[in-house]
Amino acid sequence: MTSEWIYIPERVHLSLAGSGNPWGALTSFRKRILRTLHDYPDIDDLARILDNTKEELKREIEPLLAASLVLERDDSYRPAFLVADENETLRVV
């Protein structure tokens, strides 16, 4: 009998580290921001892609900065942890 690891999206869970209780900072829109920041750290690109103003995005990013989930440098942002989407996870599997 062979056992094979099968990728089941419903069984994928978030795993992260941050200061305090970072889970409270994660709304569905902020999770989308984190995923987009993975590839596009420039705030202008982020605003265009997510169809928001820079000011709106900065307000949404503030709680992520406070929870140490995002790092800021020169008006660009990066997740402070690895972000992998389904396609990246499947490549590893």
C-alpha atoms as a PDB file:
ATOM      1  CA  MET A   1       0.000   0.000   0.000  1.00  0.00           C
ATOM      2  CA  THR A   2       1.408   3.385  -0.950  1.00  0.00           C
ATOM      3  CA  SER A   3       0.549   6.640   0.671  1.00  0.00           C
ATOM      4  CA  GLU A   4       0.471   9.753  -1.447  1.00  0.00           C
ATOM      5  CA  TRP A   5       0.207  13.314  -0.212  1.00  0.00           C
ATOM      6  CA  ILE A   6      -2.786  14.892  -1.902  1.00  0.00           C
ATOM      7  CA  TYR A   7      -3.225  18.653  -2.096  1.00  0.00           C
ATOM      8  CA  ILE A   8      -6.658  19.595  -0.773  1.00  0.00           C
ATOM      9  CA  PRO A   9      -7.281  23.380  -0.749  1.00  0.00           C
ATOM     10  CA  GLU A  10      -9.765  23.129   2.131  1.00  0.00           C
ATOM     11  CA  ARG A  11      -7.001  21.673   4.301  1.00  0.00           C
ATOM     12  CA  VAL A  12      -4.573  24.543   3.740  1.00  0.00           C
ATOM     13  CA  HIS A  13      -4.269  26.872   6.700  1.00  0.00           C
ATOM     14  CA  LEU A  14      -2.567  30.161   7.383  1.00  0.00           C
ATOM     15  CA  SER A  15       0.529  30.007   9.500  1.00  0.00           C
ATOM     16  CA  LEU A  16       2.247  33.223  10.461  1.00  0.00           C
ATOM     17  CA  ALA A  17       4.144  35.075  13.111  1.00  0.00           C
ATOM     18  CA  GLY A  18       3.749  38.661  14.203  1.00  0.00           C
ATOM     19  CA  SER A  19       3.735  40.740  17.342  1.00  0.00           C
ATOM     20  CA  GLY A  20       0.893  40.335  19.793  1.00  0.00           C
ATOM     21  CA  ASN A  21      -2.119  38.749  18.151  1.00  0.00           C
ATOM     22  CA  PRO A  22      -1.661  39.350  14.408  1.00  0.00           C
ATOM     23  CA  TRP A  23      -4.863  37.474  13.524  1.00  0.00           C
ATOM     24  CA  GLY A  24      -6.971  40.494  14.459  1.00  0.00           C
ATOM     25  CA  ALA A  25      -5.240  42.554  11.761  1.00  0.00           C
ATOM     26  CA  LEU A  26      -6.219  40.123   8.997  1.00  0.00           C
ATOM     27  CA  THR A  27      -9.401  40.998   7.208  1.00  0.00           C
ATOM     28  CA  SER A  28     -10.139  39.438   3.848  1.00  0.00           C
ATOM     29  CA  PHE A  29      -9.085  42.631   2.075  1.00  0.00           C
ATOM     30  CA  ARG A  30      -5.840  42.812   4.063  1.00  0.00           C
ATOM     31  CA  LYS A  31      -5.073  39.203   3.141  1.00  0.00           C
ATOM     32  CA  ARG A  32      -5.515  40.241  -0.490  1.00  0.00           C
ATOM     33  CA  ILE A  33      -3.160  43.180   0.122  1.00  0.00           C
ATOM     34  CA  LEU A  34      -0.543  40.802   1.558  1.00  0.00           C
ATOM     35  CA  ARG A  35      -0.810  38.468  -1.430  1.00  0.00           C
ATOM     36  CA  THR A  36      -0.517  41.358  -3.877  1.00  0.00           C
ATOM     37  CA  LEU A  37       2.410  42.883  -1.956  1.00  0.00           C
ATOM     38  CA  HIS A  38       4.247  39.619  -2.454  1.00  0.00           C
ATOM     39  CA  ASP A  39       4.671  40.507  -6.138  1.00  0.00           C
ATOM     40  CA  TYR A  40       4.078  44.276  -6.296  1.00  0.00           C
ATOM     41  CA  PRO A  41       5.594  46.154  -3.327  1.00  0.00           C
ATOM     42  CA  ASP A  42       5.128  49.638  -4.819  1.00  0.00           C
ATOM     43  CA  ILE A  43       2.128  51.467  -3.363  1.00  0.00           C
ATOM     44  CA  ASP A  44       1.207  52.978  -6.756  1.00  0.00           C
ATOM     45  CA  ASP A  45       1.102  49.512  -8.342  1.00  0.00           C
ATOM     46  CA  LEU A  46      -0.865  48.187  -5.393  1.00  0.00           C
ATOM     47  CA  ALA A  47      -3.425  51.010  -5.670  1.00  0.00           C
ATOM     48  CA  ARG A  48      -3.877  50.346  -9.391  1.00  0.00           C
ATOM     49  CA  ILE A  49      -4.193  46.574  -9.002  1.00  0.00           C
ATOM     50  CA  LEU A  50      -6.607  46.720  -6.047  1.00  0.00           C
ATOM     51  CA  ASP A  51      -8.524  49.733  -7.420  1.00  0.00           C
ATOM     52  CA  ASN A  52      -8.050  51.864  -4.304  1.00  0.00           C
ATOM     53  CA  THR A  53      -6.384  55.157  -3.511  1.00  0.00           C
ATOM     54  CA  LYS A  54      -2.937  55.218  -1.941  1.00  0.00           C
ATOM     55  CA  GLU A  55      -4.448  56.832   1.168  1.00  0.00           C
ATOM     56  CA  GLU A  56      -7.066  54.063   1.538  1.00  0.00           C
ATOM     57  CA  LEU A  57      -4.394  51.390   1.162  1.00  0.00           C
ATOM     58  CA  LYS A  58      -2.078  53.038   3.653  1.00  0.00           C
ATOM     59  CA  ARG A  59      -4.929  53.054   6.204  1.00  0.00           C
ATOM     60  CA  GLU A  60      -5.438  49.321   5.575  1.00  0.00           C
ATOM     61  CA  ILE A  61      -1.699  48.625   5.762  1.00  0.00           C
ATOM     62  CA  GLU A  62      -1.216  50.439   9.106  1.00  0.00           C
ATOM     63  CA  PRO A  63      -2.653  47.552  11.199  1.00  0.00           C
ATOM     64  CA  LEU A  64      -0.443  45.119   9.250  1.00  0.00           C
ATOM     65  CA  LEU A  65       2.609  47.257  10.065  1.00  0.00           C
ATOM     66  CA  ALA A  66       1.591  47.448  13.736  1.00  0.00           C
ATOM     67  CA  ALA A  67       1.295  43.645  13.868  1.00  0.00           C
ATOM     68  CA  SER A  68       4.742  43.247  12.219  1.00  0.00           C
ATOM     69  CA  LEU A  69       3.175  41.503   9.233  1.00  0.00           C
ATOM     70  CA  VAL A  70       4.430  44.100   6.736  1.00  0.00           C
ATOM     71  CA  LEU A  71       7.726  45.975   6.421  1.00  0.00           C
ATOM     72  CA  GLU A  72       7.959  49.461   4.894  1.00  0.00           C
ATOM     73  CA  ARG A  73      10.830  50.987   2.950  1.00  0.00           C
ATOM     74  CA  ASP A  74      10.723  54.123   0.769  1.00  0.00           C
ATOM     75  CA  ASP A  75       6.954  54.089   0.147  1.00  0.00           C
ATOM     76  CA  SER A  76       7.011  50.409  -0.728  1.00  0.00           C
ATOM     77  CA  TYR A  77       5.870  47.495   1.393  1.00  0.00           C
ATOM     78  CA  ARG A  78       6.701  43.805   1.710  1.00  0.00           C
ATOM     79  CA  PRO A  79       5.132  41.037   3.751  1.00  0.00           C
ATOM     80  CA  ALA A  80       7.358  40.192   6.708  1.00  0.00           C
ATOM     81  CA  PHE A  81       6.760  36.477   6.133  1.00  0.00           C
ATOM     82  CA  LEU A  82       6.525  34.069   3.226  1.00  0.00           C
ATOM     83  CA  VAL A  83       3.329  34.364   1.226  1.00  0.00           C
ATOM     84  CA  ALA A  84       2.567  31.448  -1.080  1.00  0.00           C
ATOM     85  CA  ASP A  85      -0.546  31.090  -3.152  1.00  0.00           C
ATOM     86  CA  GLU A  86      -2.175  27.865  -4.326  1.00  0.00           C
ATOM     87  CA  ASN A  87      -0.096  27.657  -7.529  1.00  0.00           C
ATOM     88  CA  GLU A  88       3.180  28.076  -5.632  1.00  0.00           C
ATOM     89  CA  THR A  89       2.104  25.488  -3.099  1.00  0.00           C
ATOM     90  CA  LEU A  90       1.216  23.030  -5.854  1.00  0.00           C
ATOM     91  CA  ARG A  91       4.665  23.504  -7.448  1.00  0.00           C
ATOM     92  CA  VAL A  92       6.280  22.510  -4.152  1.00  0.00           C
ATOM     93  CA  VAL A  93       3.978  19.493  -3.763  1.00  0.00           C
END
